[in-house]
Amino acid sequence: MLTSHFASPNGAAGTLGGEIVLQNSSDAPCTMDGYTNLRGYAGGTATQLGVTHDITGFFKIDGVPITPELITLRPGEIAYVAFVYSDVQSSSTACPSFTALLVTPPQGRNEVRMNAVAPFSPLMMCRAHGAAIWVDEAAVSLTSYFALDP
């Protein structure tokens, strides 16, 4: 069982991002390896996002790109997923806005709902990198990508 929230907001020139913080709120260890699945949520409808995996090359810890690896979260521990997305409308069609993200952890079956909060409210995600609704994410990590408090 996980809880989640946004952290480390950042952005400029039409690209926004930060970290998704996942915390193990159960009494048992939780293992993960790889990337989350992300869906946008608004008006009672969930929409699959066009997720890429570090296509932007932004996600590094101490200058080193992170590759997926098996991590174990003990009860109370947290993991991080860095993400970026574009909020620049590139066509005559308005970019969709979401009130929450639905996050499914790697190898997980149950998604966690994260309500959009400022500055990620609403989450307006536009077309980029071949996806109609695009977000780029890093592999789940025990280390914060942005070295800020969760």
Protein backbone atom coordinates (compact mmCIF):
# COMPACT_ATOMS: atom_id res chain seq x y z
CA MET A 1 0.00 0.00 0.00
CA LEU A 2 1.42 3.35 -1.08
CA THR A 3 0.57 6.99 -0.60
CA SER A 4 1.85 9.70 -2.90
CA HIS A 5 2.27 13.42 -3.36
CA PHE A 6 4.02 15.92 -5.63
CA ALA A 7 7.33 17.51 -4.62
CA SER A 8 10.12 19.69 -6.02
CA PRO A 9 8.06 21.70 -8.54
CA ASN A 10 10.09 23.35 -11.27
CA GLY A 11 9.65 24.61 -14.77
CA ALA A 12 10.30 27.20 -17.44
CA ALA A 13 9.51 27.92 -21.09
CA GLY A 14 6.51 25.60 -21.29
CA THR A 15 8.03 22.59 -19.53
CA LEU A 16 6.93 21.77 -15.99
CA GLY A 17 8.09 19.00 -13.74
CA GLY A 18 8.99 17.73 -10.33
CA GLU A 19 8.85 14.49 -8.42
CA ILE A 20 6.18 12.00 -7.52
CA VAL A 21 6.92 10.80 -3.99
CA LEU A 22 5.71 7.28 -3.18
CA GLN A 23 5.65 6.23 0.48
CA ASN A 24 5.17 2.69 1.75
CA SER A 25 2.28 3.03 4.20
CA SER A 26 1.95 -0.70 4.88
CA ASP A 27 3.56 -2.96 7.48
CA ALA A 28 5.42 -4.99 4.84
CA PRO A 29 8.30 -4.26 2.47
CA CYS A 30 7.42 -3.24 -1.08
CA THR A 31 9.67 -3.94 -4.07
CA MET A 32 9.67 -2.03 -7.35
CA ASP A 33 11.77 -2.06 -10.49
CA GLY A 34 11.32 0.33 -13.40
CA TYR A 35 8.73 2.93 -14.24
CA THR A 36 5.28 3.89 -13.05
CA ASN A 37 2.21 3.97 -15.27
CA LEU A 38 0.50 7.36 -15.33
CA ARG A 39 -3.07 8.24 -16.20
CA GLY A 40 -4.67 11.67 -16.05
CA TYR A 41 -7.99 12.02 -14.23
CA ALA A 42 -10.72 14.64 -14.70
CA GLY A 43 -14.50 14.64 -14.54
CA GLY A 44 -14.71 11.01 -13.51
CA THR A 45 -12.70 9.83 -16.53
CA ALA A 46 -9.15 8.42 -16.59
CA THR A 47 -6.98 8.93 -19.67
CA GLN A 48 -3.78 7.01 -20.40
CA LEU A 49 -0.86 9.42 -20.82
CA GLY A 50 1.80 9.04 -23.49
CA VAL A 51 4.65 8.24 -21.10
CA THR A 52 8.26 8.17 -22.27
CA HIS A 53 11.19 7.06 -20.16
CA ASP A 54 13.82 9.80 -19.85
CA ILE A 55 13.63 10.75 -23.53
CA THR A 56 14.52 14.30 -22.47
CA GLY A 57 17.74 13.26 -20.71
CA PHE A 58 16.87 15.53 -17.77
CA PHE A 59 16.91 12.91 -15.05
CA LYS A 60 20.24 12.40 -13.35
CA ILE A 61 21.42 12.02 -9.78
CA ASP A 62 24.79 13.69 -9.17
CA GLY A 63 25.15 14.00 -12.96
CA VAL A 64 24.64 10.29 -13.61
CA PRO A 65 21.60 8.98 -15.55
CA ILE A 66 19.56 6.49 -13.55
CA THR A 67 18.76 3.10 -15.00
CA PRO A 68 15.96 0.98 -13.57
CA GLU A 69 16.97 -1.24 -10.67
CA LEU A 70 15.17 -3.28 -8.05
CA ILE A 71 14.45 -1.23 -4.94
CA THR A 72 12.82 -2.24 -1.68
CA LEU A 73 10.82 0.19 0.42
CA ARG A 74 10.56 -0.79 4.06
CA PRO A 75 7.47 0.46 5.92
CA GLY A 76 7.53 4.27 6.02
CA GLU A 77 10.28 4.66 3.40
CA ILE A 78 9.86 6.72 0.26
CA ALA A 79 10.82 6.47 -3.40
CA TYR A 80 10.96 9.16 -6.06
CA VAL A 81 9.89 9.41 -9.70
CA ALA A 82 11.03 12.54 -11.56
CA PHE A 83 8.74 13.77 -14.34
CA VAL A 84 8.39 16.58 -16.89
CA TYR A 85 5.60 17.54 -19.27
CA SER A 86 4.76 20.27 -21.77
CA ASP A 87 1.93 22.73 -21.22
CA VAL A 88 2.43 24.45 -24.58
CA GLN A 89 -0.49 24.08 -26.96
CA SER A 90 0.95 23.09 -30.34
CA SER A 91 -2.26 22.64 -32.32
CA SER A 92 -5.71 24.20 -32.59
CA THR A 93 -7.03 21.56 -30.18
CA ALA A 94 -6.89 22.58 -26.53
CA CYS A 95 -4.58 20.54 -24.33
CA PRO A 96 -6.44 18.39 -21.80
CA SER A 97 -6.38 19.41 -18.16
CA PHE A 98 -6.45 16.94 -15.32
CA THR A 99 -7.39 17.33 -11.66
CA ALA A 100 -5.31 14.33 -10.57
CA LEU A 101 -2.79 11.73 -11.67
CA LEU A 102 -3.41 8.03 -11.18
CA VAL A 103 -0.06 6.40 -10.48
CA THR A 104 0.50 2.65 -10.73
CA PRO A 105 3.88 1.68 -9.27
CA PRO A 106 6.17 -0.69 -11.18
CA GLN A 107 4.87 -4.28 -10.88
CA GLY A 108 1.85 -2.86 -9.02
CA ARG A 109 -1.80 -3.56 -9.61
CA ASN A 110 -3.38 -0.78 -7.58
CA GLU A 111 -3.08 2.82 -8.62
CA VAL A 112 -2.67 5.72 -6.21
CA ARG A 113 -4.57 8.95 -6.84
CA MET A 114 -2.61 12.19 -6.51
CA ASN A 115 -4.75 15.31 -6.62
CA ALA A 116 -3.27 18.21 -8.52
CA VAL A 117 -2.04 21.01 -6.25
CA ALA A 118 -0.33 24.30 -7.10
CA PRO A 119 1.72 24.75 -9.17
CA PHE A 120 0.47 21.53 -10.84
CA SER A 121 -3.18 22.58 -10.80
CA PRO A 122 -4.68 21.98 -13.18
CA LEU A 123 -2.31 19.55 -14.88
CA MET A 124 -2.48 20.76 -18.48
CA MET A 125 -0.55 18.20 -20.52
CA CYS A 126 -0.01 18.79 -24.23
CA ARG A 127 1.22 16.95 -27.30
CA ALA A 128 4.98 16.30 -27.56
CA HIS A 129 7.43 13.58 -28.61
CA GLY A 130 4.80 11.78 -30.69
CA ALA A 131 2.21 11.47 -27.91
CA ALA A 132 -1.12 13.30 -27.85
CA ILE A 133 -0.80 13.74 -24.07
CA TRP A 134 2.86 13.50 -23.11
CA VAL A 135 4.82 13.14 -19.87
CA ASP A 136 8.43 11.99 -19.49
CA GLU A 137 9.46 10.11 -16.36
CA ALA A 138 12.52 8.65 -14.71
CA ALA A 139 12.88 5.24 -13.13
CA VAL A 140 11.73 4.89 -9.54
CA SER A 141 14.64 5.67 -7.19
CA LEU A 142 15.41 5.67 -3.48
CA THR A 143 17.25 8.97 -4.01
CA SER A 144 15.55 12.26 -4.78
CA TYR A 145 16.39 13.46 -8.27
CA PHE A 146 16.26 17.04 -7.08
CA ALA A 147 17.71 16.52 -3.56
CA LEU A 148 14.91 18.44 -1.88
CA ASP A 149 12.87 17.48 1.14
CA PRO A 150 9.75 15.49 0.22
